[in-house]
Amino acid sequence: MAAGRRRTTPGRASSGAEARVSAEGRVLRGVLERGALEGVIAPAPGEVTPGVSHVLTERVPAAHRLLAETFLRTHPVEAARVVDGLAAESVVPLVADVAPEVAATVVAHMRPAAAAACLEAMSTQAAAEIVTTLAPGTAAALARRMRPTAVAAVLAELPLAVGTALAGLLRHPPDTAGALLDPRVPTLPDDASIEAARTALGGAVPGLSFYVWVVRRDQTLVGVATPTDLLRADEAGTLADAMQPAGPRLPVTADRRMILAHPGWREWHALPVVEQGDGAFLGAITYETMRRLEAERHGRPERGPLVDALALAEAYLVGMTELVKGLASAARWRGASNGE
């Protein structure tokens, strides 16, 4: 087996990661304890402290943004569970108040119906900014739950490349390889230079940097190159000199059962998806997507990479649950007071 090809299973979060999470918890707790918010964002169970929206909005806007964005960024699974239980009109101001990439992480972990309702309830521009940051497969899954008019409006606001990719996924039946693939994987023609291949791999979207997929000029899949292949390659050569045979692949019509049962997952981080007939390369399904499908099949939610480490900060997370509810209320109040 070629070096660098075999898939490895991620291990438990390192002690450094756990320490980092704990440190974040201490920082956030420190903010809560510095007076302005003390006794305001920790109401009794089942109660909402009167005036919480006013206090959060008027007295501590900087802390409001810091706490919201930090919690949403570092604990997206837990934040998603909280906002899942809120009405869309309460979630929208909170999500719109943070960076699109942070909002997208939380939206990706929400229940699909709740996430789709949230995207529909916000402005078309805000929804487009979030959709641009989402993985294409996630964006397509949410778009299928939205009204056609809302989807059309969002598509019109997206960058051309993003909109084209999303529209391409939506033309395939749900739960098929064509609808689940990620078209953003690094792909180059077989006559590309080694330098170009290294650049493509280095600039790949996080989670998609395992391989460079190699195609002929007619887009037929002919090979794949790993980081090890590219490091060992002669810089004067082309990608065709460094690549391996493409190996196992999935037809665009493959359903969930076929995807999950494919033996290629024993060795590969991602499996290529090709058109039937001409073998044109469309994209790849990642191991992460396969794990999500597997979790859905067994009726259990996908666990985020920090969930186990976050068990060390359970008390903190319980408190932050109430905080997020308060922040949603605060953001909604601020929007109403500004006439938005």
C-alpha atoms as a PDB file:
ATOM      1  CA  MET A   1       0.000   0.000   0.000  1.00  0.00           C
ATOM      2  CA  ALA A   2       1.354   3.442  -0.905  1.00  0.00           C
ATOM      3  CA  ALA A   3       2.593   5.585   1.939  1.00  0.00           C
ATOM      4  CA  GLY A   4       0.209   8.233   3.155  1.00  0.00           C
ATOM      5  CA  ARG A   5      -2.856   6.550   1.692  1.00  0.00           C
ATOM      6  CA  ARG A   6      -4.161   4.634   4.686  1.00  0.00           C
ATOM      7  CA  ARG A   7      -6.858   6.274   6.744  1.00  0.00           C
ATOM      8  CA  THR A   8      -6.102   6.630  10.426  1.00  0.00           C
ATOM      9  CA  THR A   9      -8.690   6.970  13.170  1.00  0.00           C
ATOM     10  CA  PRO A  10      -8.444  10.227  15.156  1.00  0.00           C
ATOM     11  CA  GLY A  11      -7.542   9.699  18.781  1.00  0.00           C
ATOM     12  CA  ARG A  12      -8.950  11.202  21.908  1.00  0.00           C
ATOM     13  CA  ALA A  13      -8.581  14.947  22.393  1.00  0.00           C
ATOM     14  CA  SER A  14      -5.151  15.781  23.738  1.00  0.00           C
ATOM     15  CA  SER A  15      -4.549  17.093  27.204  1.00  0.00           C
ATOM     16  CA  GLY A  16      -3.489  20.348  25.562  1.00  0.00           C
ATOM     17  CA  ALA A  17      -6.896  20.663  23.905  1.00  0.00           C
ATOM     18  CA  GLU A  18      -8.616  19.918  27.204  1.00  0.00           C
ATOM     19  CA  ALA A  19      -6.513  22.541  28.961  1.00  0.00           C
ATOM     20  CA  ARG A  20      -7.387  25.036  26.252  1.00  0.00           C
ATOM     21  CA  VAL A  21     -11.116  24.377  26.667  1.00  0.00           C
ATOM     22  CA  SER A  22     -10.809  24.673  30.432  1.00  0.00           C
ATOM     23  CA  ALA A  23      -8.918  27.946  30.029  1.00  0.00           C
ATOM     24  CA  GLU A  24     -11.676  29.323  27.818  1.00  0.00           C
ATOM     25  CA  GLY A  25     -14.208  28.305  30.433  1.00  0.00           C
ATOM     26  CA  ARG A  26     -12.274  30.146  33.132  1.00  0.00           C
ATOM     27  CA  VAL A  27     -12.032  33.280  30.996  1.00  0.00           C
ATOM     28  CA  LEU A  28     -15.741  33.296  30.266  1.00  0.00           C
ATOM     29  CA  ARG A  29     -16.634  32.604  33.877  1.00  0.00           C
ATOM     30  CA  GLY A  30     -14.380  35.502  34.834  1.00  0.00           C
ATOM     31  CA  VAL A  31     -16.358  37.812  32.568  1.00  0.00           C
ATOM     32  CA  LEU A  32     -19.575  36.626  34.147  1.00  0.00           C
ATOM     33  CA  GLU A  33     -18.237  37.247  37.626  1.00  0.00           C
ATOM     34  CA  ARG A  34     -16.978  40.779  37.043  1.00  0.00           C
ATOM     35  CA  GLY A  35     -20.120  42.457  38.247  1.00  0.00           C
ATOM     36  CA  ALA A  36     -22.043  43.716  35.242  1.00  0.00           C
ATOM     37  CA  LEU A  37     -23.670  40.379  34.500  1.00  0.00           C
ATOM     38  CA  GLU A  38     -23.601  38.901  37.988  1.00  0.00           C
ATOM     39  CA  GLY A  39     -27.045  37.693  38.937  1.00  0.00           C
ATOM     40  CA  VAL A  40     -28.465  38.679  35.558  1.00  0.00           C
ATOM     41  CA  ILE A  41     -27.726  35.739  33.287  1.00  0.00           C
ATOM     42  CA  ALA A  42     -28.183  33.023  35.875  1.00  0.00           C
ATOM     43  CA  PRO A  43     -31.941  32.974  36.594  1.00  0.00           C
ATOM     44  CA  ALA A  44     -33.553  30.210  38.568  1.00  0.00           C
ATOM     45  CA  PRO A  45     -34.380  27.087  36.534  1.00  0.00           C
ATOM     46  CA  GLY A  46     -37.366  27.710  34.300  1.00  0.00           C
ATOM     47  CA  GLU A  47     -37.350  31.464  34.908  1.00  0.00           C
ATOM     48  CA  VAL A  48     -36.139  34.431  32.917  1.00  0.00           C
ATOM     49  CA  THR A  49     -34.652  37.321  34.849  1.00  0.00           C
ATOM     50  CA  PRO A  50     -36.618  40.537  34.192  1.00  0.00           C
ATOM     51  CA  GLY A  51     -34.598  43.089  32.306  1.00  0.00           C
ATOM     52  CA  VAL A  52     -32.007  40.657  30.992  1.00  0.00           C
ATOM     53  CA  SER A  53     -32.384  41.950  27.431  1.00  0.00           C
ATOM     54  CA  HIS A  54     -31.920  45.547  28.521  1.00  0.00           C
ATOM     55  CA  VAL A  55     -28.901  44.803  30.694  1.00  0.00           C
ATOM     56  CA  LEU A  56     -27.154  42.668  28.066  1.00  0.00           C
ATOM     57  CA  THR A  57     -27.862  45.129  25.277  1.00  0.00           C
ATOM     58  CA  GLU A  58     -27.250  48.446  26.971  1.00  0.00           C
ATOM     59  CA  ARG A  59     -24.729  47.796  29.735  1.00  0.00           C
ATOM     60  CA  VAL A  60     -22.361  45.167  28.360  1.00  0.00           C
ATOM     61  CA  PRO A  61     -22.454  45.017  24.557  1.00  0.00           C
ATOM     62  CA  ALA A  62     -18.766  44.067  24.368  1.00  0.00           C
ATOM     63  CA  ALA A  63     -19.196  41.190  26.833  1.00  0.00           C
ATOM     64  CA  HIS A  64     -22.355  40.183  24.986  1.00  0.00           C
ATOM     65  CA  ARG A  65     -20.437  39.791  21.709  1.00  0.00           C
ATOM     66  CA  LEU A  66     -17.429  38.145  23.379  1.00  0.00           C
ATOM     67  CA  LEU A  67     -19.500  35.572  25.217  1.00  0.00           C
ATOM     68  CA  ALA A  68     -21.802  34.808  22.314  1.00  0.00           C
ATOM     69  CA  GLU A  69     -19.127  34.423  19.672  1.00  0.00           C
ATOM     70  CA  THR A  70     -16.703  32.509  21.918  1.00  0.00           C
ATOM     71  CA  PHE A  71     -19.351  30.066  23.087  1.00  0.00           C
ATOM     72  CA  LEU A  72     -20.749  29.549  19.595  1.00  0.00           C
ATOM     73  CA  ARG A  73     -17.274  29.120  18.128  1.00  0.00           C
ATOM     74  CA  THR A  74     -15.845  26.712  20.713  1.00  0.00           C
ATOM     75  CA  HIS A  75     -18.992  24.757  21.596  1.00  0.00           C
ATOM     76  CA  PRO A  76     -21.101  24.633  18.400  1.00  0.00           C
ATOM     77  CA  VAL A  77     -22.799  21.336  19.282  1.00  0.00           C
ATOM     78  CA  GLU A  78     -23.957  22.564  22.679  1.00  0.00           C
ATOM     79  CA  ALA A  79     -24.968  25.973  21.290  1.00  0.00           C
ATOM     80  CA  ALA A  80     -26.958  24.269  18.528  1.00  0.00           C
ATOM     81  CA  ARG A  81     -28.819  22.173  21.091  1.00  0.00           C
ATOM     82  CA  VAL A  82     -29.792  25.336  22.931  1.00  0.00           C
ATOM     83  CA  VAL A  83     -31.017  27.323  19.933  1.00  0.00           C
ATOM     84  CA  ASP A  84     -32.817  24.267  18.534  1.00  0.00           C
ATOM     85  CA  GLY A  85     -35.434  24.827  21.214  1.00  0.00           C
ATOM     86  CA  LEU A  86     -35.964  28.508  20.407  1.00  0.00           C
ATOM     87  CA  ALA A  87     -38.236  30.099  17.834  1.00  0.00           C
ATOM     88  CA  ALA A  88     -36.527  31.127  14.597  1.00  0.00           C
ATOM     89  CA  GLU A  89     -37.201  34.812  15.242  1.00  0.00           C
ATOM     90  CA  SER A  90     -35.233  34.516  18.487  1.00  0.00           C
ATOM     91  CA  VAL A  91     -32.324  32.660  16.909  1.00  0.00           C
ATOM     92  CA  VAL A  92     -31.867  34.910  13.872  1.00  0.00           C
ATOM     93  CA  PRO A  93     -30.679  38.061  15.712  1.00  0.00           C
ATOM     94  CA  LEU A  94     -28.205  36.030  17.764  1.00  0.00           C
ATOM     95  CA  VAL A  95     -26.780  34.212  14.737  1.00  0.00           C
ATOM     96  CA  ALA A  96     -26.674  37.399  12.684  1.00  0.00           C
ATOM     97  CA  ASP A  97     -24.639  39.098  15.429  1.00  0.00           C
ATOM     98  CA  VAL A  98     -21.584  36.845  14.976  1.00  0.00           C
ATOM     99  CA  ALA A  99     -19.191  36.198  12.104  1.00  0.00           C
ATOM    100  CA  PRO A 100     -20.718  34.135   9.242  1.00  0.00           C
ATOM    101  CA  GLU A 101     -18.232  31.291   9.719  1.00  0.00           C
ATOM    102  CA  VAL A 102     -19.198  31.040  13.413  1.00  0.00           C
ATOM    103  CA  ALA A 103     -22.896  31.143  12.601  1.00  0.00           C
ATOM    104  CA  ALA A 104     -22.406  28.498   9.908  1.00  0.00           C
ATOM    105  CA  THR A 105     -20.759  26.109  12.370  1.00  0.00           C
ATOM    106  CA  VAL A 106     -23.740  26.344  14.717  1.00  0.00           C
ATOM    107  CA  VAL A 107     -26.301  26.117  11.894  1.00  0.00           C
ATOM    108  CA  ALA A 108     -24.562  22.969  10.622  1.00  0.00           C
ATOM    109  CA  HIS A 109     -25.121  21.287  14.013  1.00  0.00           C
ATOM    110  CA  MET A 110     -28.778  22.321  14.419  1.00  0.00           C
ATOM    111  CA  ARG A 111     -31.675  20.064  13.566  1.00  0.00           C
ATOM    112  CA  PRO A 112     -32.130  20.410   9.786  1.00  0.00           C
ATOM    113  CA  ALA A 113     -35.705  21.674  10.090  1.00  0.00           C
ATOM    114  CA  ALA A 114     -34.708  24.304  12.665  1.00  0.00           C
ATOM    115  CA  ALA A 115     -31.643  25.361  10.675  1.00  0.00           C
ATOM    116  CA  ALA A 116     -33.665  25.707   7.464  1.00  0.00           C
ATOM    117  CA  ALA A 117     -36.311  27.772   9.287  1.00  0.00           C
ATOM    118  CA  CYS A 118     -33.562  30.002  10.656  1.00  0.00           C
ATOM    119  CA  LEU A 119     -32.097  30.609   7.190  1.00  0.00           C
ATOM    120  CA  GLU A 120     -35.537  31.413   5.804  1.00  0.00           C
ATOM    121  CA  ALA A 121     -36.291  33.848   8.621  1.00  0.00           C
ATOM    122  CA  MET A 122     -33.155  35.979   8.171  1.00  0.00           C
ATOM    123  CA  SER A 123     -32.353  38.397   5.382  1.00  0.00           C
ATOM    124  CA  THR A 124     -31.367  36.884   2.053  1.00  0.00           C
ATOM    125  CA  GLN A 125     -27.916  38.463   2.280  1.00  0.00           C
ATOM    126  CA  ALA A 126     -27.269  37.093   5.780  1.00  0.00           C
ATOM    127  CA  ALA A 127     -28.466  33.638   4.729  1.00  0.00           C
ATOM    128  CA  ALA A 128     -26.206  33.734   1.673  1.00  0.00           C
ATOM    129  CA  GLU A 129     -23.173  34.629   3.803  1.00  0.00           C
ATOM    130  CA  ILE A 130     -23.811  31.610   6.021  1.00  0.00           C
ATOM    131  CA  VAL A 131     -24.525  29.264   3.112  1.00  0.00           C
ATOM    132  CA  THR A 132     -21.267  30.360   1.470  1.00  0.00           C
ATOM    133  CA  THR A 133     -19.380  29.125   4.549  1.00  0.00           C
ATOM    134  CA  LEU A 134     -21.282  25.828   4.936  1.00  0.00           C
ATOM    135  CA  ALA A 135     -20.016  22.601   3.431  1.00  0.00           C
ATOM    136  CA  PRO A 136     -21.831  22.159   0.089  1.00  0.00           C
ATOM    137  CA  GLY A 137     -23.524  18.933   1.184  1.00  0.00           C
ATOM    138  CA  THR A 138     -24.872  20.581   4.329  1.00  0.00           C
ATOM    139  CA  ALA A 139     -26.050  23.611   2.375  1.00  0.00           C
ATOM    140  CA  ALA A 140     -27.859  21.361  -0.111  1.00  0.00           C
ATOM    141  CA  ALA A 141     -29.543  19.362   2.652  1.00  0.00           C
ATOM    142  CA  LEU A 142     -30.869  22.560   4.252  1.00  0.00           C
ATOM    143  CA  ALA A 143     -31.918  24.051   0.914  1.00  0.00           C
ATOM    144  CA  ARG A 144     -34.115  21.007   0.277  1.00  0.00           C
ATOM    145  CA  ARG A 145     -36.102  21.940   3.400  1.00  0.00           C
ATOM    146  CA  MET A 146     -36.614  25.566   2.388  1.00  0.00           C
ATOM    147  CA  ARG A 147     -39.302  27.041   0.157  1.00  0.00           C
ATOM    148  CA  PRO A 148     -38.252  27.101  -3.532  1.00  0.00           C
ATOM    149  CA  THR A 149     -38.631  30.884  -3.658  1.00  0.00           C
ATOM    150  CA  ALA A 150     -36.318  31.283  -0.657  1.00  0.00           C
ATOM    151  CA  VAL A 151     -33.733  28.954  -2.210  1.00  0.00           C
ATOM    152  CA  ALA A 152     -33.845  30.869  -5.491  1.00  0.00           C
ATOM    153  CA  ALA A 153     -33.314  34.163  -3.666  1.00  0.00           C
ATOM    154  CA  VAL A 154     -30.310  32.811  -1.740  1.00  0.00           C
ATOM    155  CA  LEU A 155     -28.783  31.252  -4.881  1.00  0.00           C
ATOM    156  CA  ALA A 156     -28.965  34.644  -6.587  1.00  0.00           C
ATOM    157  CA  GLU A 157     -26.901  36.203  -3.773  1.00  0.00           C
ATOM    158  CA  LEU A 158     -24.174  33.547  -3.675  1.00  0.00           C
ATOM    159  CA  PRO A 159     -20.768  33.891  -5.364  1.00  0.00           C
ATOM    160  CA  LEU A 160     -20.905  32.279  -8.802  1.00  0.00           C
ATOM    161  CA  ALA A 161     -18.732  29.281  -7.907  1.00  0.00           C
ATOM    162  CA  VAL A 162     -20.668  28.550  -4.705  1.00  0.00           C
ATOM    163  CA  GLY A 163     -24.055  28.957  -6.368  1.00  0.00           C
ATOM    164  CA  THR A 164     -23.086  26.722  -9.275  1.00  0.00           C
ATOM    165  CA  ALA A 165     -21.835  23.987  -6.936  1.00  0.00           C
ATOM    166  CA  LEU A 166     -24.974  24.132  -4.786  1.00  0.00           C
ATOM    167  CA  ALA A 167     -27.291  24.078  -7.794  1.00  0.00           C
ATOM    168  CA  GLY A 168     -25.383  21.046  -9.093  1.00  0.00           C
ATOM    169  CA  LEU A 169     -25.952  19.160  -5.845  1.00  0.00           C
ATOM    170  CA  LEU A 170     -29.644  20.029  -5.788  1.00  0.00           C
ATOM    171  CA  ARG A 171     -30.217  18.397  -9.184  1.00  0.00           C
ATOM    172  CA  HIS A 172     -29.388  14.975  -7.714  1.00  0.00           C
ATOM    173  CA  PRO A 173     -31.913  12.955  -5.667  1.00  0.00           C
ATOM    174  CA  PRO A 174     -31.507  13.351  -1.886  1.00  0.00           C
ATOM    175  CA  ASP A 175     -29.323  10.801  -0.067  1.00  0.00           C
ATOM    176  CA  THR A 176     -27.397   9.819  -3.182  1.00  0.00           C
ATOM    177  CA  ALA A 177     -23.668  10.225  -3.738  1.00  0.00           C
ATOM    178  CA  GLY A 178     -24.370  13.083  -6.133  1.00  0.00           C
ATOM    179  CA  ALA A 179     -26.154  15.038  -3.406  1.00  0.00           C
ATOM    180  CA  LEU A 180     -23.653  14.208  -0.653  1.00  0.00           C
ATOM    181  CA  LEU A 181     -20.329  14.800  -2.407  1.00  0.00           C
ATOM    182  CA  ASP A 182     -18.120  17.828  -1.831  1.00  0.00           C
ATOM    183  CA  PRO A 183     -17.083  19.481  -5.115  1.00  0.00           C
ATOM    184  CA  ARG A 184     -14.414  21.642  -3.413  1.00  0.00           C
ATOM    185  CA  VAL A 185     -11.812  18.877  -3.161  1.00  0.00           C
ATOM    186  CA  PRO A 186      -8.464  19.740  -4.840  1.00  0.00           C
ATOM    187  CA  THR A 187      -8.649  18.630  -8.487  1.00  0.00           C
ATOM    188  CA  LEU A 188      -6.064  19.158 -11.234  1.00  0.00           C
ATOM    189  CA  PRO A 189      -5.351  17.811 -14.734  1.00  0.00           C
ATOM    190  CA  ASP A 190      -2.700  15.123 -15.058  1.00  0.00           C
ATOM    191  CA  ASP A 191      -0.333  17.471 -16.912  1.00  0.00           C
ATOM    192  CA  ALA A 192      -0.279  20.010 -14.046  1.00  0.00           C
ATOM    193  CA  SER A 193       3.061  20.743 -12.413  1.00  0.00           C
ATOM    194  CA  ILE A 194       4.072  19.346  -9.044  1.00  0.00           C
ATOM    195  CA  GLU A 195       4.302  22.895  -7.721  1.00  0.00           C
ATOM    196  CA  ALA A 196       0.695  23.552  -8.755  1.00  0.00           C
ATOM    197  CA  ALA A 197      -0.415  20.357  -7.017  1.00  0.00           C
ATOM    198  CA  ARG A 198       1.384  21.283  -3.799  1.00  0.00           C
ATOM    199  CA  THR A 199      -0.189  24.738  -3.896  1.00  0.00           C
ATOM    200  CA  ALA A 200      -3.668  23.279  -4.439  1.00  0.00           C
ATOM    201  CA  LEU A 201      -3.258  20.899  -1.523  1.00  0.00           C
ATOM    202  CA  GLY A 202      -1.908  23.611   0.767  1.00  0.00           C
ATOM    203  CA  GLY A 203      -4.809  25.917  -0.042  1.00  0.00           C
ATOM    204  CA  ALA A 204      -7.523  23.288   0.304  1.00  0.00           C
ATOM    205  CA  VAL A 205     -10.546  23.776   2.540  1.00  0.00           C
ATOM    206  CA  PRO A 206      -9.847  22.315   6.015  1.00  0.00           C
ATOM    207  CA  GLY A 207     -10.821  18.656   6.029  1.00  0.00           C
ATOM    208  CA  LEU A 208     -10.315  18.298   2.276  1.00  0.00           C
ATOM    209  CA  SER A 209      -6.505  18.255   2.129  1.00  0.00           C
ATOM    210  CA  PHE A 210      -5.957  14.499   2.075  1.00  0.00           C
ATOM    211  CA  TYR A 211      -5.620  14.137  -1.690  1.00  0.00           C
ATOM    212  CA  VAL A 212      -5.306  15.894  -5.010  1.00  0.00           C
ATOM    213  CA  TRP A 213      -7.658  14.169  -7.452  1.00  0.00           C
ATOM    214  CA  VAL A 214      -6.201  13.859 -10.945  1.00  0.00           C
ATOM    215  CA  VAL A 215      -8.300  14.112 -14.100  1.00  0.00           C
ATOM    216  CA  ARG A 216      -7.726  14.205 -17.840  1.00  0.00           C
ATOM    217  CA  ARG A 217      -8.689  17.351 -19.688  1.00  0.00           C
ATOM    218  CA  ASP A 218     -12.091  15.756 -20.365  1.00  0.00           C
ATOM    219  CA  GLN A 219     -12.599  15.473 -16.549  1.00  0.00           C
ATOM    220  CA  THR A 220     -12.272  11.678 -16.496  1.00  0.00           C
ATOM    221  CA  LEU A 221     -10.780  10.544 -13.185  1.00  0.00           C
ATOM    222  CA  VAL A 222      -7.392   8.877 -13.695  1.00  0.00           C
ATOM    223  CA  GLY A 223      -5.538   9.072 -10.403  1.00  0.00           C
ATOM    224  CA  VAL A 224      -4.967  10.521  -6.958  1.00  0.00           C
ATOM    225  CA  ALA A 225      -1.926  12.027  -5.235  1.00  0.00           C
ATOM    226  CA  THR A 226      -1.299  12.107  -1.493  1.00  0.00           C
ATOM    227  CA  PRO A 227       0.850  14.662   0.338  1.00  0.00           C
ATOM    228  CA  THR A 228       3.580  12.006   0.572  1.00  0.00           C
ATOM    229  CA  ASP A 229       3.434  11.430  -3.189  1.00  0.00           C
ATOM    230  CA  LEU A 230       3.899  15.142  -3.809  1.00  0.00           C
ATOM    231  CA  LEU A 231       6.770  15.487  -1.341  1.00  0.00           C
ATOM    232  CA  ARG A 232       8.644  12.639  -3.012  1.00  0.00           C
ATOM    233  CA  ALA A 233       7.949  13.815  -6.557  1.00  0.00           C
ATOM    234  CA  ASP A 234      10.536  15.367  -8.835  1.00  0.00           C
ATOM    235  CA  GLU A 235       9.710  19.065  -9.048  1.00  0.00           C
ATOM    236  CA  ALA A 236      10.421  19.012 -12.761  1.00  0.00           C
ATOM    237  CA  GLY A 237       7.767  16.355 -13.370  1.00  0.00           C
ATOM    238  CA  THR A 238       3.997  16.505 -13.738  1.00  0.00           C
ATOM    239  CA  LEU A 239       1.157  15.219 -11.610  1.00  0.00           C
ATOM    240  CA  ALA A 240       0.879  12.176 -13.871  1.00  0.00           C
ATOM    241  CA  ASP A 241       4.358  11.129 -12.714  1.00  0.00           C
ATOM    242  CA  ALA A 242       3.481  11.364  -9.005  1.00  0.00           C
ATOM    243  CA  MET A 243      -0.084  10.050  -8.885  1.00  0.00           C
ATOM    244  CA  GLN A 244      -1.392   6.632  -7.909  1.00  0.00           C
ATOM    245  CA  PRO A 245      -4.280   4.845  -9.663  1.00  0.00           C
ATOM    246  CA  ALA A 246      -7.573   6.383  -8.556  1.00  0.00           C
ATOM    247  CA  GLY A 247      -8.695   3.206  -6.794  1.00  0.00           C
ATOM    248  CA  PRO A 248     -12.273   2.658  -5.571  1.00  0.00           C
ATOM    249  CA  ARG A 249     -14.979   5.081  -6.605  1.00  0.00           C
ATOM    250  CA  LEU A 250     -18.697   5.648  -6.130  1.00  0.00           C
ATOM    251  CA  PRO A 251     -21.249   6.131  -8.915  1.00  0.00           C
ATOM    252  CA  VAL A 252     -23.211   9.348  -8.656  1.00  0.00           C
ATOM    253  CA  THR A 253     -26.418   7.319  -8.124  1.00  0.00           C
ATOM    254  CA  ALA A 254     -25.094   5.341  -5.109  1.00  0.00           C
ATOM    255  CA  ASP A 255     -27.528   5.441  -2.195  1.00  0.00           C
ATOM    256  CA  ARG A 256     -26.746   5.576   1.529  1.00  0.00           C
ATOM    257  CA  ARG A 257     -26.552   1.812   1.877  1.00  0.00           C
ATOM    258  CA  MET A 258     -24.023   1.528  -0.938  1.00  0.00           C
ATOM    259  CA  ILE A 259     -21.982   4.434   0.406  1.00  0.00           C
ATOM    260  CA  LEU A 260     -21.799   3.065   3.952  1.00  0.00           C
ATOM    261  CA  ALA A 261     -21.039  -0.491   2.828  1.00  0.00           C
ATOM    262  CA  HIS A 262     -18.220   0.471   0.471  1.00  0.00           C
ATOM    263  CA  PRO A 263     -14.991  -1.359   1.420  1.00  0.00           C
ATOM    264  CA  GLY A 264     -12.900   1.627   0.359  1.00  0.00           C
ATOM    265  CA  TRP A 265     -13.502   3.277   3.737  1.00  0.00           C
ATOM    266  CA  ARG A 266     -11.057   0.818   5.286  1.00  0.00           C
ATOM    267  CA  GLU A 267      -8.164   2.545   3.542  1.00  0.00           C
ATOM    268  CA  TRP A 268      -9.220   5.950   2.249  1.00  0.00           C
ATOM    269  CA  HIS A 269     -10.133   9.286   3.854  1.00  0.00           C
ATOM    270  CA  ALA A 270     -12.449  10.103   0.947  1.00  0.00           C
ATOM    271  CA  LEU A 271     -14.023   8.283  -1.992  1.00  0.00           C
ATOM    272  CA  PRO A 272     -14.398   9.891  -5.437  1.00  0.00           C
ATOM    273  CA  VAL A 273     -17.810  10.203  -7.066  1.00  0.00           C
ATOM    274  CA  VAL A 274     -18.062   9.851 -10.845  1.00  0.00           C
ATOM    275  CA  GLU A 275     -20.752  10.139 -13.480  1.00  0.00           C
ATOM    276  CA  GLN A 276     -22.046   6.877 -14.845  1.00  0.00           C
ATOM    277  CA  GLY A 277     -20.958   6.195 -18.383  1.00  0.00           C
ATOM    278  CA  ASP A 278     -18.135   8.648 -19.047  1.00  0.00           C
ATOM    279  CA  GLY A 279     -16.577   8.450 -15.550  1.00  0.00           C
ATOM    280  CA  ALA A 280     -16.351  12.235 -15.202  1.00  0.00           C
ATOM    281  CA  PHE A 281     -15.146  13.257 -11.746  1.00  0.00           C
ATOM    282  CA  LEU A 282     -17.714  15.269  -9.762  1.00  0.00           C
ATOM    283  CA  GLY A 283     -16.220  15.463  -6.277  1.00  0.00           C
ATOM    284  CA  ALA A 284     -15.652  13.231  -3.263  1.00  0.00           C
ATOM    285  CA  ILE A 285     -17.485  12.026  -0.178  1.00  0.00           C
ATOM    286  CA  THR A 286     -15.329  12.480   2.898  1.00  0.00           C
ATOM    287  CA  TYR A 287     -14.920  10.094   5.807  1.00  0.00           C
ATOM    288  CA  GLU A 288     -16.534  12.740   8.008  1.00  0.00           C
ATOM    289  CA  THR A 289     -19.673  12.655   5.856  1.00  0.00           C
ATOM    290  CA  MET A 290     -19.698   8.855   5.986  1.00  0.00           C
ATOM    291  CA  ARG A 291     -19.537   8.961   9.791  1.00  0.00           C
ATOM    292  CA  ARG A 292     -22.450  11.395   9.858  1.00  0.00           C
ATOM    293  CA  LEU A 293     -24.527   9.092   7.654  1.00  0.00           C
ATOM    294  CA  GLU A 294     -23.648   6.172   9.905  1.00  0.00           C
ATOM    295  CA  ALA A 295     -24.690   8.099  13.015  1.00  0.00           C
ATOM    296  CA  GLU A 296     -28.002   9.079  11.415  1.00  0.00           C
ATOM    297  CA  ARG A 297     -28.657   5.458  10.448  1.00  0.00           C
ATOM    298  CA  HIS A 298     -28.285   4.402  14.077  1.00  0.00           C
ATOM    299  CA  GLY A 299     -30.406   7.283  15.316  1.00  0.00           C
ATOM    300  CA  ARG A 300     -27.696   9.017  17.327  1.00  0.00           C
ATOM    301  CA  PRO A 301     -26.417  12.576  16.822  1.00  0.00           C
ATOM    302  CA  GLU A 302     -22.917  13.088  15.543  1.00  0.00           C
ATOM    303  CA  ARG A 303     -20.476  13.983  18.291  1.00  0.00           C
ATOM    304  CA  GLY A 304     -18.246  16.977  17.752  1.00  0.00           C
ATOM    305  CA  PRO A 305     -14.493  16.605  18.275  1.00  0.00           C
ATOM    306  CA  LEU A 306     -14.534  18.494  21.559  1.00  0.00           C
ATOM    307  CA  VAL A 307     -17.595  16.922  23.128  1.00  0.00           C
ATOM    308  CA  ASP A 308     -15.637  14.434  25.234  1.00  0.00           C
ATOM    309  CA  ALA A 309     -13.240  17.104  26.465  1.00  0.00           C
ATOM    310  CA  LEU A 310     -16.141  19.401  27.270  1.00  0.00           C
ATOM    311  CA  ALA A 311     -17.422  16.907  29.828  1.00  0.00           C
ATOM    312  CA  LEU A 312     -14.756  18.390  32.105  1.00  0.00           C
ATOM    313  CA  ALA A 313     -16.592  21.713  31.950  1.00  0.00           C
ATOM    314  CA  GLU A 314     -20.144  20.427  32.358  1.00  0.00           C
ATOM    315  CA  ALA A 315     -21.091  22.946  35.013  1.00  0.00           C
ATOM    316  CA  TYR A 316     -19.857  25.758  32.805  1.00  0.00           C
ATOM    317  CA  LEU A 317     -21.879  24.513  29.850  1.00  0.00           C
ATOM    318  CA  VAL A 318     -25.066  24.325  31.899  1.00  0.00           C
ATOM    319  CA  GLY A 319     -24.614  27.974  32.791  1.00  0.00           C
ATOM    320  CA  MET A 320     -23.848  28.910  29.209  1.00  0.00           C
ATOM    321  CA  THR A 321     -27.109  27.315  28.092  1.00  0.00           C
ATOM    322  CA  GLU A 322     -29.011  29.947  30.002  1.00  0.00           C
ATOM    323  CA  LEU A 323     -26.620  32.588  28.697  1.00  0.00           C
ATOM    324  CA  VAL A 324     -27.334  31.746  25.063  1.00  0.00           C
ATOM    325  CA  LYS A 325     -31.061  31.936  25.727  1.00  0.00           C
ATOM    326  CA  GLY A 326     -30.507  35.333  27.301  1.00  0.00           C
ATOM    327  CA  LEU A 327     -28.340  36.500  24.417  1.00  0.00           C
ATOM    328  CA  ALA A 328     -30.978  35.454  21.902  1.00  0.00           C
ATOM    329  CA  SER A 329     -33.530  37.429  23.862  1.00  0.00           C
ATOM    330  CA  ALA A 330     -31.146  40.384  24.046  1.00  0.00           C
ATOM    331  CA  ALA A 331     -30.425  40.385  20.339  1.00  0.00           C
ATOM    332  CA  ARG A 332     -34.133  40.127  19.560  1.00  0.00           C
ATOM    333  CA  TRP A 333     -34.893  43.033  21.902  1.00  0.00           C
ATOM    334  CA  ARG A 334     -32.156  45.153  20.343  1.00  0.00           C
ATOM    335  CA  GLY A 335     -33.501  44.474  16.861  1.00  0.00           C
ATOM    336  CA  ALA A 336     -37.022  45.483  17.942  1.00  0.00           C
ATOM    337  CA  SER A 337     -35.776  48.675  19.620  1.00  0.00           C
ATOM    338  CA  ASN A 338     -33.899  49.638  16.445  1.00  0.00           C
ATOM    339  CA  GLY A 339     -36.942  48.984  14.316  1.00  0.00           C
ATOM    340  CA  GLU A 340     -35.305  46.068  12.450  1.00  0.00           C
END
